[in-house]
């Protein structure tokens, strides 16, 4: 994990912190997946999903799947930047629980 704190180590905010105009430090959980060098790609994903939803998706992903989740988010953001309706559908597929995952105490 040499690049985990790459954004903070070089005094550059990761793409997520830069978008939110926050200080990026060694505790930033988004820095390993969204480096400052990928800011334009993150902007496309932000326009489609929003930072809050991106953070939620990353938190839901298992630690060993977070890199793949980040790549998927960026890919979808770039592919859907000109088609927001399809982007919303893509987000709903990720963030909505499946019917089989619900139990009698679940609230939609």
PDB file of N, CA and C in Angstrom:
ATOM      1  N   UNK A   1       0.817  -1.195   0.000  1.00  0.00           N
ATOM      2  CA  UNK A   1       0.000   0.000   0.000  1.00  0.00           C
ATOM      3  C   UNK A   1       0.861   1.259   0.000  1.00  0.00           C
ATOM      4  N   UNK A   2       1.825   1.306  -0.830  1.00  0.00           N
ATOM      5  CA  UNK A   2       2.702   2.466  -0.884  1.00  0.00           C
ATOM      6  C   UNK A   2       1.956   3.728  -1.301  1.00  0.00           C
ATOM      7  N   UNK A   3       0.979   3.594  -2.196  1.00  0.00           N
ATOM      8  CA  UNK A   3       0.295   4.781  -2.697  1.00  0.00           C
ATOM      9  C   UNK A   3      -0.921   5.158  -1.867  1.00  0.00           C
ATOM     10  N   UNK A   4      -1.145   4.486  -0.735  1.00  0.00           N
ATOM     11  CA  UNK A   4      -2.340   4.741   0.072  1.00  0.00           C
ATOM     12  C   UNK A   4      -2.460   6.213   0.453  1.00  0.00           C
ATOM     13  N   UNK A   5      -1.370   6.824   0.854  1.00  0.00           N
ATOM     14  CA  UNK A   5      -1.424   8.212   1.287  1.00  0.00           C
ATOM     15  C   UNK A   5      -0.738   9.128   0.286  1.00  0.00           C
ATOM     16  N   UNK A   6      -0.779   8.725  -0.943  1.00  0.00           N
ATOM     17  CA  UNK A   6      -0.094   9.475  -1.989  1.00  0.00           C
ATOM     18  C   UNK A   6      -0.565  10.924  -2.031  1.00  0.00           C
ATOM     19  N   UNK A   7      -1.872  11.151  -1.972  1.00  0.00           N
ATOM     20  CA  UNK A   7      -2.390  12.513  -2.038  1.00  0.00           C
ATOM     21  C   UNK A   7      -1.905  13.363  -0.887  1.00  0.00           C
ATOM     22  N   UNK A   8      -1.956  12.816   0.315  1.00  0.00           N
ATOM     23  CA  UNK A   8      -1.549  13.573   1.484  1.00  0.00           C
ATOM     24  C   UNK A   8      -0.027  13.744   1.533  1.00  0.00           C
ATOM     25  N   UNK A   9       0.704  12.719   1.145  1.00  0.00           N
ATOM     26  CA  UNK A   9       2.157  12.774   1.230  1.00  0.00           C
ATOM     27  C   UNK A   9       2.735  13.850   0.318  1.00  0.00           C
ATOM     28  N   UNK A  10       2.106  14.093  -0.793  1.00  0.00           N
ATOM     29  CA  UNK A  10       2.610  15.080  -1.736  1.00  0.00           C
ATOM     30  C   UNK A  10       1.921  16.431  -1.570  1.00  0.00           C
ATOM     31  N   UNK A  11       1.183  16.605  -0.480  1.00  0.00           N
ATOM     32  CA  UNK A  11       0.445  17.844  -0.221  1.00  0.00           C
ATOM     33  C   UNK A  11      -0.556  18.168  -1.314  1.00  0.00           C
ATOM     34  N   UNK A  12      -1.062  17.144  -1.971  1.00  0.00           N
ATOM     35  CA  UNK A  12      -2.120  17.312  -2.948  1.00  0.00           C
ATOM     36  C   UNK A  12      -3.343  16.590  -2.421  1.00  0.00           C
ATOM     37  N   UNK A  13      -4.454  17.252  -2.418  1.00  0.00           N
ATOM     38  CA  UNK A  13      -5.680  16.593  -1.986  1.00  0.00           C
ATOM     39  C   UNK A  13      -6.055  15.529  -2.999  1.00  0.00           C
ATOM     40  N   UNK A  14      -6.599  14.421  -2.507  1.00  0.00           N
ATOM     41  CA  UNK A  14      -7.110  13.411  -3.431  1.00  0.00           C
ATOM     42  C   UNK A  14      -8.265  14.043  -4.207  1.00  0.00           C
ATOM     43  N   UNK A  15      -8.720  13.378  -5.234  1.00  0.00           N
ATOM     44  CA  UNK A  15      -9.774  13.943  -6.083  1.00  0.00           C
ATOM     45  C   UNK A  15     -11.045  14.216  -5.288  1.00  0.00           C
ATOM     46  N   UNK A  16     -11.378  13.339  -4.360  1.00  0.00           N
ATOM     47  CA  UNK A  16     -12.581  13.523  -3.550  1.00  0.00           C
ATOM     48  C   UNK A  16     -12.457  14.751  -2.641  1.00  0.00           C
ATOM     49  N   UNK A  17     -11.352  14.871  -1.945  1.00  0.00           N
ATOM     50  CA  UNK A  17     -11.139  16.024  -1.062  1.00  0.00           C
ATOM     51  C   UNK A  17     -11.044  17.319  -1.864  1.00  0.00           C
ATOM     52  N   UNK A  18     -10.413  17.243  -3.009  1.00  0.00           N
ATOM     53  CA  UNK A  18     -10.303  18.428  -3.861  1.00  0.00           C
ATOM     54  C   UNK A  18     -11.691  18.887  -4.302  1.00  0.00           C
ATOM     55  N   UNK A  19     -12.546  17.947  -4.665  1.00  0.00           N
ATOM     56  CA  UNK A  19     -13.909  18.276  -5.078  1.00  0.00           C
ATOM     57  C   UNK A  19     -14.675  18.946  -3.934  1.00  0.00           C
ATOM     58  N   UNK A  20     -14.428  18.478  -2.713  1.00  0.00           N
ATOM     59  CA  UNK A  20     -15.129  19.013  -1.547  1.00  0.00           C
ATOM     60  C   UNK A  20     -14.398  20.180  -0.891  1.00  0.00           C
ATOM     61  N   UNK A  21     -13.222  20.518  -1.448  1.00  0.00           N
ATOM     62  CA  UNK A  21     -12.382  21.593  -0.919  1.00  0.00           C
ATOM     63  C   UNK A  21     -12.042  21.368   0.554  1.00  0.00           C
ATOM     64  N   UNK A  22     -11.634  20.118   0.819  1.00  0.00           N
ATOM     65  CA  UNK A  22     -11.234  19.723   2.161  1.00  0.00           C
ATOM     66  C   UNK A  22      -9.753  19.415   2.189  1.00  0.00           C
ATOM     67  N   UNK A  23      -9.182  19.463   3.377  1.00  0.00           N
ATOM     68  CA  UNK A  23      -7.786  19.061   3.535  1.00  0.00           C
ATOM     69  C   UNK A  23      -7.735  17.535   3.482  1.00  0.00           C
ATOM     70  N   UNK A  24      -6.825  17.014   2.714  1.00  0.00           N
ATOM     71  CA  UNK A  24      -6.652  15.571   2.590  1.00  0.00           C
ATOM     72  C   UNK A  24      -5.448  15.176   3.434  1.00  0.00           C
ATOM     73  N   UNK A  25      -5.662  14.270   4.384  1.00  0.00           N
ATOM     74  CA  UNK A  25      -4.551  13.837   5.219  1.00  0.00           C
ATOM     75  C   UNK A  25      -4.435  12.322   5.205  1.00  0.00           C
ATOM     76  N   UNK A  26      -3.568  11.793   6.048  1.00  0.00           N
ATOM     77  CA  UNK A  26      -3.318  10.353   6.034  1.00  0.00           C
ATOM     78  C   UNK A  26      -4.507   9.521   6.483  1.00  0.00           C
ATOM     79  N   UNK A  27      -5.535  10.134   7.051  1.00  0.00           N
ATOM     80  CA  UNK A  27      -6.719   9.375   7.455  1.00  0.00           C
ATOM     81  C   UNK A  27      -7.783   9.325   6.363  1.00  0.00           C
ATOM     82  N   UNK A  28      -7.549   9.968   5.252  1.00  0.00           N
ATOM     83  CA  UNK A  28      -8.530   9.998   4.155  1.00  0.00           C
ATOM     84  C   UNK A  28      -8.690   8.605   3.557  1.00  0.00           C
ATOM     85  N   UNK A  29      -9.896   8.094   3.595  1.00  0.00           N
ATOM     86  CA  UNK A  29     -10.155   6.753   3.075  1.00  0.00           C
ATOM     87  C   UNK A  29     -10.380   6.737   1.567  1.00  0.00           C
ATOM     88  N   UNK A  30     -10.552   7.889   0.959  1.00  0.00           N
ATOM     89  CA  UNK A  30     -10.775   7.954  -0.479  1.00  0.00           C
ATOM     90  C   UNK A  30      -9.470   8.106  -1.259  1.00  0.00           C
ATOM     91  N   UNK A  31      -8.427   8.592  -0.613  1.00  0.00           N
ATOM     92  CA  UNK A  31      -7.151   8.870  -1.280  1.00  0.00           C
ATOM     93  C   UNK A  31      -6.560   7.676  -2.021  1.00  0.00           C
ATOM     94  N   UNK A  32      -6.620   6.465  -1.477  1.00  0.00           N
ATOM     95  CA  UNK A  32      -6.002   5.358  -2.208  1.00  0.00           C
ATOM     96  C   UNK A  32      -6.717   5.030  -3.522  1.00  0.00           C
ATOM     97  N   UNK A  33      -7.956   5.406  -3.624  1.00  0.00           N
ATOM     98  CA  UNK A  33      -8.767   4.998  -4.773  1.00  0.00           C
ATOM     99  C   UNK A  33      -9.022   6.127  -5.770  1.00  0.00           C
ATOM    100  N   UNK A  34      -8.917   7.375  -5.306  1.00  0.00           N
ATOM    101  CA  UNK A  34      -9.178   8.524  -6.163  1.00  0.00           C
ATOM    102  C   UNK A  34      -8.049   9.534  -6.023  1.00  0.00           C
ATOM    103  N   UNK A  35      -6.881   9.259  -6.636  1.00  0.00           N
ATOM    104  CA  UNK A  35      -5.734  10.165  -6.497  1.00  0.00           C
ATOM    105  C   UNK A  35      -5.989  11.505  -7.184  1.00  0.00           C
ATOM    106  N   UNK A  36      -5.227  12.491  -6.788  1.00  0.00           N
ATOM    107  CA  UNK A  36      -5.362  13.840  -7.342  1.00  0.00           C
ATOM    108  C   UNK A  36      -5.179  13.844  -8.861  1.00  0.00           C
ATOM    109  N   UNK A  37      -4.357  12.953  -9.363  1.00  0.00           N
ATOM    110  CA  UNK A  37      -4.109  12.911 -10.813  1.00  0.00           C
ATOM    111  C   UNK A  37      -5.342  12.502 -11.610  1.00  0.00           C
ATOM    112  N   UNK A  38      -6.333  11.915 -10.959  1.00  0.00           N
ATOM    113  CA  UNK A  38      -7.560  11.504 -11.647  1.00  0.00           C
ATOM    114  C   UNK A  38      -8.734  12.424 -11.371  1.00  0.00           C
ATOM    115  N   UNK A  39      -8.445  13.687 -11.098  1.00  0.00           N
ATOM    116  CA  UNK A  39      -9.498  14.628 -10.716  1.00  0.00           C
ATOM    117  C   UNK A  39     -10.570  14.789 -11.796  1.00  0.00           C
ATOM    118  N   UNK A  40     -10.187  14.894 -13.053  1.00  0.00           N
ATOM    119  CA  UNK A  40     -11.197  15.100 -14.107  1.00  0.00           C
ATOM    120  C   UNK A  40     -12.129  13.898 -14.223  1.00  0.00           C
ATOM    121  N   UNK A  41     -11.600  12.690 -14.053  1.00  0.00           N
ATOM    122  CA  UNK A  41     -12.453  11.501 -14.083  1.00  0.00           C
ATOM    123  C   UNK A  41     -13.379  11.485 -12.867  1.00  0.00           C
ATOM    124  N   UNK A  42     -12.847  11.908 -11.709  1.00  0.00           N
ATOM    125  CA  UNK A  42     -13.679  11.965 -10.504  1.00  0.00           C
ATOM    126  C   UNK A  42     -14.783  12.999 -10.670  1.00  0.00           C
ATOM    127  N   UNK A  43     -14.488  14.116 -11.325  1.00  0.00           N
ATOM    128  CA  UNK A  43     -15.508  15.136 -11.561  1.00  0.00           C
ATOM    129  C   UNK A  43     -16.681  14.555 -12.354  1.00  0.00           C
ATOM    130  N   UNK A  44     -16.387  13.750 -13.377  1.00  0.00           N
ATOM    131  CA  UNK A  44     -17.456  13.129 -14.158  1.00  0.00           C
ATOM    132  C   UNK A  44     -18.311  12.225 -13.273  1.00  0.00           C
ATOM    133  N   UNK A  45     -17.654  11.424 -12.437  1.00  0.00           N
ATOM    134  CA  UNK A  45     -18.391  10.541 -11.533  1.00  0.00           C
ATOM    135  C   UNK A  45     -19.185  11.361 -10.518  1.00  0.00           C
ATOM    136  N   UNK A  46     -18.605  12.450 -10.033  1.00  0.00           N
ATOM    137  CA  UNK A  46     -19.290  13.311  -9.074  1.00  0.00           C
ATOM    138  C   UNK A  46     -20.553  13.909  -9.670  1.00  0.00           C
ATOM    139  N   UNK A  47     -20.485  14.330 -10.921  1.00  0.00           N
ATOM    140  CA  UNK A  47     -21.658  14.924 -11.572  1.00  0.00           C
ATOM    141  C   UNK A  47     -22.798  13.924 -11.695  1.00  0.00           C
ATOM    142  N   UNK A  48     -22.459  12.662 -11.844  1.00  0.00           N
ATOM    143  CA  UNK A  48     -23.470  11.626 -12.004  1.00  0.00           C
ATOM    144  C   UNK A  48     -23.966  11.119 -10.650  1.00  0.00           C
ATOM    145  N   UNK A  49     -23.064  10.767  -9.763  1.00  0.00           N
ATOM    146  CA  UNK A  49     -23.422  10.093  -8.516  1.00  0.00           C
ATOM    147  C   UNK A  49     -23.442  11.000  -7.291  1.00  0.00           C
ATOM    148  N   UNK A  50     -22.583  12.021  -7.272  1.00  0.00           N
ATOM    149  CA  UNK A  50     -22.429  12.845  -6.080  1.00  0.00           C
ATOM    150  C   UNK A  50     -21.415  12.226  -5.131  1.00  0.00           C
ATOM    151  N   UNK A  51     -20.692  13.052  -4.421  1.00  0.00           N
ATOM    152  CA  UNK A  51     -19.641  12.565  -3.529  1.00  0.00           C
ATOM    153  C   UNK A  51     -20.225  11.701  -2.421  1.00  0.00           C
ATOM    154  N   UNK A  52     -21.344  12.106  -1.864  1.00  0.00           N
ATOM    155  CA  UNK A  52     -21.954  11.346  -0.773  1.00  0.00           C
ATOM    156  C   UNK A  52     -22.281   9.920  -1.200  1.00  0.00           C
ATOM    157  N   UNK A  53     -22.860   9.762  -2.376  1.00  0.00           N
ATOM    158  CA  UNK A  53     -23.185   8.424  -2.868  1.00  0.00           C
ATOM    159  C   UNK A  53     -21.934   7.617  -3.189  1.00  0.00           C
ATOM    160  N   UNK A  54     -20.910   8.276  -3.708  1.00  0.00           N
ATOM    161  CA  UNK A  54     -19.652   7.582  -3.980  1.00  0.00           C
ATOM    162  C   UNK A  54     -19.065   7.071  -2.663  1.00  0.00           C
ATOM    163  N   UNK A  55     -19.102   7.898  -1.628  1.00  0.00           N
ATOM    164  CA  UNK A  55     -18.592   7.485  -0.328  1.00  0.00           C
ATOM    165  C   UNK A  55     -19.405   6.315   0.234  1.00  0.00           C
ATOM    166  N   UNK A  56     -20.709   6.340   0.051  1.00  0.00           N
ATOM    167  CA  UNK A  56     -21.559   5.248   0.528  1.00  0.00           C
ATOM    168  C   UNK A  56     -21.257   3.946  -0.204  1.00  0.00           C
ATOM    169  N   UNK A  57     -21.086   4.037  -1.512  1.00  0.00           N
ATOM    170  CA  UNK A  57     -20.767   2.844  -2.301  1.00  0.00           C
ATOM    171  C   UNK A  57     -19.433   2.263  -1.846  1.00  0.00           C
ATOM    172  N   UNK A  58     -18.452   3.127  -1.648  1.00  0.00           N
ATOM    173  CA  UNK A  58     -17.138   2.662  -1.221  1.00  0.00           C
ATOM    174  C   UNK A  58     -17.201   2.040   0.181  1.00  0.00           C
ATOM    175  N   UNK A  59     -18.017   2.598   1.060  1.00  0.00           N
ATOM    176  CA  UNK A  59     -18.148   2.053   2.412  1.00  0.00           C
ATOM    177  C   UNK A  59     -18.846   0.692   2.392  1.00  0.00           C
ATOM    178  N   UNK A  60     -19.772   0.493   1.463  1.00  0.00           N
ATOM    179  CA  UNK A  60     -20.497  -0.780   1.367  1.00  0.00           C
ATOM    180  C   UNK A  60     -19.624  -1.876   0.771  1.00  0.00           C
ATOM    181  N   UNK A  61     -18.639  -1.508  -0.003  1.00  0.00           N
ATOM    182  CA  UNK A  61     -17.781  -2.503  -0.650  1.00  0.00           C
ATOM    183  C   UNK A  61     -16.839  -3.134   0.372  1.00  0.00           C
ATOM    184  N   UNK A  62     -16.607  -4.416   0.218  1.00  0.00           N
ATOM    185  CA  UNK A  62     -15.633  -5.103   1.063  1.00  0.00           C
ATOM    186  C   UNK A  62     -14.247  -4.507   0.798  1.00  0.00           C
ATOM    187  N   UNK A  63     -13.392  -4.468   1.800  1.00  0.00           N
ATOM    188  CA  UNK A  63     -12.071  -3.853   1.611  1.00  0.00           C
ATOM    189  C   UNK A  63     -11.302  -4.376   0.400  1.00  0.00           C
ATOM    190  N   UNK A  64     -11.407  -5.659   0.131  1.00  0.00           N
ATOM    191  CA  UNK A  64     -10.677  -6.200  -1.015  1.00  0.00           C
ATOM    192  C   UNK A  64     -11.373  -5.912  -2.347  1.00  0.00           C
ATOM    193  N   UNK A  65     -12.549  -5.316  -2.308  1.00  0.00           N
ATOM    194  CA  UNK A  65     -13.282  -4.984  -3.528  1.00  0.00           C
ATOM    195  C   UNK A  65     -13.339  -3.481  -3.788  1.00  0.00           C
ATOM    196  N   UNK A  66     -12.747  -2.686  -2.934  1.00  0.00           N
ATOM    197  CA  UNK A  66     -12.861  -1.227  -3.071  1.00  0.00           C
ATOM    198  C   UNK A  66     -12.163  -0.672  -4.304  1.00  0.00           C
ATOM    199  N   UNK A  67     -11.034  -1.244  -4.670  1.00  0.00           N
ATOM    200  CA  UNK A  67     -10.354  -0.767  -5.884  1.00  0.00           C
ATOM    201  C   UNK A  67     -11.228  -1.015  -7.103  1.00  0.00           C
ATOM    202  N   UNK A  68     -11.831  -2.186  -7.171  1.00  0.00           N
ATOM    203  CA  UNK A  68     -12.727  -2.498  -8.291  1.00  0.00           C
ATOM    204  C   UNK A  68     -13.950  -1.593  -8.264  1.00  0.00           C
ATOM    205  N   UNK A  69     -14.475  -1.296  -7.075  1.00  0.00           N
ATOM    206  CA  UNK A  69     -15.621  -0.392  -6.957  1.00  0.00           C
ATOM    207  C   UNK A  69     -15.262   1.006  -7.450  1.00  0.00           C
ATOM    208  N   UNK A  70     -14.081   1.483  -7.057  1.00  0.00           N
ATOM    209  CA  UNK A  70     -13.638   2.811  -7.490  1.00  0.00           C
ATOM    210  C   UNK A  70     -13.489   2.866  -9.005  1.00  0.00           C
ATOM    211  N   UNK A  71     -12.902   1.834  -9.581  1.00  0.00           N
ATOM    212  CA  UNK A  71     -12.745   1.789 -11.037  1.00  0.00           C
ATOM    213  C   UNK A  71     -14.106   1.765 -11.731  1.00  0.00           C
ATOM    214  N   UNK A  72     -15.056   1.043 -11.178  1.00  0.00           N
ATOM    215  CA  UNK A  72     -16.403   0.982 -11.751  1.00  0.00           C
ATOM    216  C   UNK A  72     -17.086   2.340 -11.678  1.00  0.00           C
ATOM    217  N   UNK A  73     -16.946   3.013 -10.545  1.00  0.00           N
ATOM    218  CA  UNK A  73     -17.541   4.339 -10.378  1.00  0.00           C
ATOM    219  C   UNK A  73     -16.985   5.294 -11.419  1.00  0.00           C
ATOM    220  N   UNK A  74     -15.668   5.297 -11.574  1.00  0.00           N
ATOM    221  CA  UNK A  74     -15.041   6.200 -12.549  1.00  0.00           C
ATOM    222  C   UNK A  74     -15.441   5.840 -13.975  1.00  0.00           C
ATOM    223  N   UNK A  75     -15.497   4.546 -14.277  1.00  0.00           N
ATOM    224  CA  UNK A  75     -15.894   4.107 -15.613  1.00  0.00           C
ATOM    225  C   UNK A  75     -17.326   4.520 -15.914  1.00  0.00           C
ATOM    226  N   UNK A  76     -18.231   4.288 -14.972  1.00  0.00           N
ATOM    227  CA  UNK A  76     -19.631   4.683 -15.164  1.00  0.00           C
ATOM    228  C   UNK A  76     -19.756   6.190 -15.297  1.00  0.00           C
ATOM    229  N   UNK A  77     -19.015   6.924 -14.483  1.00  0.00           N
ATOM    230  CA  UNK A  77     -19.070   8.383 -14.565  1.00  0.00           C
ATOM    231  C   UNK A  77     -18.624   8.892 -15.913  1.00  0.00           C
ATOM    232  N   UNK A  78     -17.563   8.313 -16.454  1.00  0.00           N
ATOM    233  CA  UNK A  78     -17.079   8.734 -17.765  1.00  0.00           C
ATOM    234  C   UNK A  78     -18.022   8.297 -18.883  1.00  0.00           C
ATOM    235  N   UNK A  79     -18.577   7.110 -18.760  1.00  0.00           N
ATOM    236  CA  UNK A  79     -19.465   6.596 -19.799  1.00  0.00           C
ATOM    237  C   UNK A  79     -20.811   7.309 -19.799  1.00  0.00           C
ATOM    238  N   UNK A  80     -21.257   7.721 -18.631  1.00  0.00           N
ATOM    239  CA  UNK A  80     -22.606   8.276 -18.493  1.00  0.00           C
ATOM    240  C   UNK A  80     -22.638   9.795 -18.380  1.00  0.00           C
ATOM    241  N   UNK A  81     -21.513  10.440 -18.529  1.00  0.00           N
ATOM    242  CA  UNK A  81     -21.488  11.889 -18.310  1.00  0.00           C
ATOM    243  C   UNK A  81     -22.428  12.643 -19.249  1.00  0.00           C
ATOM    244  N   UNK A  82     -22.715  12.089 -20.403  1.00  0.00           N
ATOM    245  CA  UNK A  82     -23.637  12.736 -21.336  1.00  0.00           C
ATOM    246  C   UNK A  82     -25.021  12.104 -21.316  1.00  0.00           C
ATOM    247  N   UNK A  83     -25.254  11.164 -20.400  1.00  0.00           N
ATOM    248  CA  UNK A  83     -26.535  10.474 -20.336  1.00  0.00           C
ATOM    249  C   UNK A  83     -26.950  10.297 -18.879  1.00  0.00           C
ATOM    250  N   UNK A  84     -27.428  11.379 -18.233  1.00  0.00           N
ATOM    251  CA  UNK A  84     -27.714  11.309 -16.808  1.00  0.00           C
ATOM    252  C   UNK A  84     -28.822  10.330 -16.428  1.00  0.00           C
ATOM    253  N   UNK A  85     -29.772  10.078 -17.297  1.00  0.00           N
ATOM    254  CA  UNK A  85     -30.845   9.138 -16.968  1.00  0.00           C
ATOM    255  C   UNK A  85     -30.279   7.736 -16.782  1.00  0.00           C
ATOM    256  N   UNK A  86     -29.412   7.309 -17.674  1.00  0.00           N
ATOM    257  CA  UNK A  86     -28.796   5.993 -17.540  1.00  0.00           C
ATOM    258  C   UNK A  86     -27.891   5.941 -16.314  1.00  0.00           C
ATOM    259  N   UNK A  87     -27.287   7.063 -15.967  1.00  0.00           N
ATOM    260  CA  UNK A  87     -26.436   7.097 -14.779  1.00  0.00           C
ATOM    261  C   UNK A  87     -27.251   6.890 -13.514  1.00  0.00           C
ATOM    262  N   UNK A  88     -28.420   7.511 -13.449  1.00  0.00           N
ATOM    263  CA  UNK A  88     -29.285   7.336 -12.278  1.00  0.00           C
ATOM    264  C   UNK A  88     -29.725   5.880 -12.180  1.00  0.00           C
ATOM    265  N   UNK A  89     -30.029   5.266 -13.306  1.00  0.00           N
ATOM    266  CA  UNK A  89     -30.399   3.853 -13.294  1.00  0.00           C
ATOM    267  C   UNK A  89     -29.234   2.991 -12.828  1.00  0.00           C
ATOM    268  N   UNK A  90     -28.039   3.309 -13.265  1.00  0.00           N
ATOM    269  CA  UNK A  90     -26.859   2.553 -12.837  1.00  0.00           C
ATOM    270  C   UNK A  90     -26.654   2.694 -11.330  1.00  0.00           C
ATOM    271  N   UNK A  91     -26.842   3.908 -10.803  1.00  0.00           N
ATOM    272  CA  UNK A  91     -26.701   4.127  -9.369  1.00  0.00           C
ATOM    273  C   UNK A  91     -27.758   3.362  -8.601  1.00  0.00           C
ATOM    274  N   UNK A  92     -28.989   3.351  -9.095  1.00  0.00           N
ATOM    275  CA  UNK A  92     -30.060   2.663  -8.370  1.00  0.00           C
ATOM    276  C   UNK A  92     -29.795   1.159  -8.312  1.00  0.00           C
ATOM    277  N   UNK A  93     -29.150   0.615  -9.319  1.00  0.00           N
ATOM    278  CA  UNK A  93     -28.813  -0.803  -9.297  1.00  0.00           C
ATOM    279  C   UNK A  93     -27.801  -1.110  -8.209  1.00  0.00           C
ATOM    280  N   UNK A  94     -26.924  -0.167  -7.934  1.00  0.00           N
ATOM    281  CA  UNK A  94     -25.889  -0.368  -6.926  1.00  0.00           C
ATOM    282  C   UNK A  94     -26.434  -0.120  -5.526  1.00  0.00           C
ATOM    283  N   UNK A  95     -27.230   0.936  -5.350  1.00  0.00           N
ATOM    284  CA  UNK A  95     -27.583   1.371  -4.003  1.00  0.00           C
ATOM    285  C   UNK A  95     -28.903   0.818  -3.477  1.00  0.00           C
ATOM    286  N   UNK A  96     -29.745   0.285  -4.322  1.00  0.00           N
ATOM    287  CA  UNK A  96     -31.034  -0.226  -3.864  1.00  0.00           C
ATOM    288  C   UNK A  96     -30.909  -1.691  -3.458  1.00  0.00           C
ATOM    289  N   UNK A  97     -31.517  -2.065  -2.321  1.00  0.00           N
ATOM    290  CA  UNK A  97     -31.456  -3.470  -1.922  1.00  0.00           C
ATOM    291  C   UNK A  97     -32.304  -4.329  -2.849  1.00  0.00           C
ATOM    292  N   UNK A  98     -31.870  -5.536  -3.027  1.00  0.00           N
ATOM    293  CA  UNK A  98     -32.636  -6.482  -3.828  1.00  0.00           C
ATOM    294  C   UNK A  98     -33.782  -7.015  -2.976  1.00  0.00           C
ATOM    295  N   UNK A  99     -34.880  -7.373  -3.605  1.00  0.00           N
ATOM    296  CA  UNK A  99     -36.049  -7.843  -2.885  1.00  0.00           C
ATOM    297  C   UNK A  99     -35.713  -9.026  -1.993  1.00  0.00           C
ATOM    298  N   UNK A 100     -34.887  -9.930  -2.469  1.00  0.00           N
ATOM    299  CA  UNK A 100     -34.506 -11.101  -1.695  1.00  0.00           C
ATOM    300  C   UNK A 100     -33.668 -10.759  -0.470  1.00  0.00           C
ATOM    301  N   UNK A 101     -33.054  -9.556  -0.456  1.00  0.00           N
ATOM    302  CA  UNK A 101     -32.226  -9.146   0.673  1.00  0.00           C
ATOM    303  C   UNK A 101     -33.037  -8.523   1.803  1.00  0.00           C
ATOM    304  N   UNK A 102     -34.311  -8.259   1.546  1.00  0.00           N
ATOM    305  CA  UNK A 102     -35.156  -7.617   2.539  1.00  0.00           C
ATOM    306  C   UNK A 102     -35.763  -8.636   3.478  1.00  0.00           C
ATOM    307  N   UNK A 103     -35.993  -8.237   4.701  1.00  0.00           N
ATOM    308  CA  UNK A 103     -36.712  -9.090   5.633  1.00  0.00           C
ATOM    309  C   UNK A 103     -37.948  -8.341   6.110  1.00  0.00           C
ATOM    310  N   UNK A 104     -38.715  -8.935   6.974  1.00  0.00           N
ATOM    311  CA  UNK A 104     -39.980  -8.334   7.377  1.00  0.00           C
ATOM    312  C   UNK A 104     -39.798  -7.033   8.143  1.00  0.00           C
ATOM    313  N   UNK A 105     -38.620  -6.789   8.701  1.00  0.00           N
ATOM    314  CA  UNK A 105     -38.364  -5.553   9.441  1.00  0.00           C
ATOM    315  C   UNK A 105     -37.739  -4.453   8.588  1.00  0.00           C
ATOM    316  N   UNK A 106     -37.484  -4.746   7.317  1.00  0.00           N
ATOM    317  CA  UNK A 106     -36.856  -3.760   6.431  1.00  0.00           C
ATOM    318  C   UNK A 106     -37.837  -2.679   6.046  1.00  0.00           C
ATOM    319  N   UNK A 107     -37.322  -1.477   5.952  1.00  0.00           N
ATOM    320  CA  UNK A 107     -38.134  -0.345   5.508  1.00  0.00           C
ATOM    321  C   UNK A 107     -37.495   0.184   4.235  1.00  0.00           C
ATOM    322  N   UNK A 108     -38.281   0.367   3.216  1.00  0.00           N
ATOM    323  CA  UNK A 108     -37.744   0.907   1.962  1.00  0.00           C
ATOM    324  C   UNK A 108     -37.777   2.394   1.968  1.00  0.00           C
TER     325      UNK A 108
END
